[in-house]
């Protein structure tokens, strides 16, 4: 064969792959350019499927949160919770969190939101929608923040219909991360260490999560509507004015004499920790090293030459190669074993705290029954209040054992101590009424615990099912007629609860 032919053939063998590679690179660059362009999306577009036309990969990864669909009945797993929350909605129904796709449905289906028959009934205020849907900031803009926070939860059943999605975290014009809940901005400015206006992009990769994953209460706020009618809004408020520590917030609540509810048995003015993920995260090693929530829970992934943030928000352990192992040099088994030990230690102290505080509530109830005075009970109730607040704070943020393990164990230890202090004082009170040997009733199962507090469980379930089959169906029809409801968000979702 002639030398020229061999040279030609060799050139083709080299050039063709290079040509194909160049085409691939150009295609990927073109695709990345399209992704990086700012699309035109309607202001306050709450239907995430509309955003998906421009960001299909992000949306497709978000849809994967539907796979996180397991119902874990936490009251069945930890029956003491029923006693600790007696008189409060969580004693009725409390499940481990599922994927973001289920946020809205789980809020509607839980026994905690009750069984309203119209827009003016039910146990919960409108504020209970606040973290569940992009329809919330849409409504705030439409009718005003104070009007939104006024009235019953059922008032907006046909308006808040889209689960957490794109518009909760992104500006429709720039696609930049943005804070859509004004109470976060107010709280950051009140605390002072990071003003909302000074937040960097890396800060925002945490703050958009902090809009919902933070401790809050419903602050009664007087206002006057456009017709001159006096009203009271229950405004979501973060108690950060004194700082982020559990003691700082405890003092904040004590100073304003606030209570979420009065305990049904012990008559203690109680605090219910919500989900202080941001506050506990702030004390941990990841935050101190500048690692954001999104770095671990929404890691960057690659498809060909395209890089994007996965919106399949979940445990970093589900994708450990793209999360933990990006920074840690340990092997996967070592990391998993370490994390498992942290969880075991937290669970051990948490169970001890629940048992101690649960018995304190029941012993206090006995003391009242025997005729104890308010003066005798005041120091006892303060210990119970502080013990349960600290226990609840340490476990309500489900990742606390990982985000800030040392702080979590410290807080749980103080909760046990304060719970024991309450029980020691109660022994003295009970002895005055000839009941020093009183033993709290058994609450070792969910059913026994519900019997102890007299919870009419089956009645609550029957009422809930009636609501779901009537008013709930009306909400869907109304929302569909308004053009708000996107049935695609419910595709593949099974009706799952702890009571059916």
Foldseek 3Di string as FASTA:
>chain_A
DDPVVVVVVVVCVVVVVVVVVVVLVVVLVVLQVQLQDQDADDFLQFAQVSVCVSVVQQVVLLLVLLVQFDWAWVCQVFVLVLLLQAPALVNQGDTDDGGQLCQVVCLLQRLRQFFDPAQADTDAWLCSCVQFGSLLLVVCVVFNQQVSQFGGVSNCLLRGAHGDHQNLFAGNGNRQGDHSQVQLQVLCVLLPPAHPVRADSLNSLAVSVVSPQAWWFFDWDWDADPVRDIGTGRHTHHQANQHLALVSSVVSCVVVVAAPDQHLQLRFRAHATARHQVSLLCPFPCVVVSHHQQLQQFFWDDDSSDIDTRSSGDGSLVVVVRHVVVPDPDDNVVVVVVLVVLVVLLVVLLSLLSVLLSFLSQLSSVLVVLPDDCVLCVLLSVLSRQLVSLSNNLPNNPCSSPSHSVSSNVSSVSSNVSSVVSVVSSLVSCVVSVRNVDDGDDSPGNVRSCVSSVPPNVVSVVSSVVSCVPVSVVSNVSSVVVVNHDCVSCPPNDDDGPPD
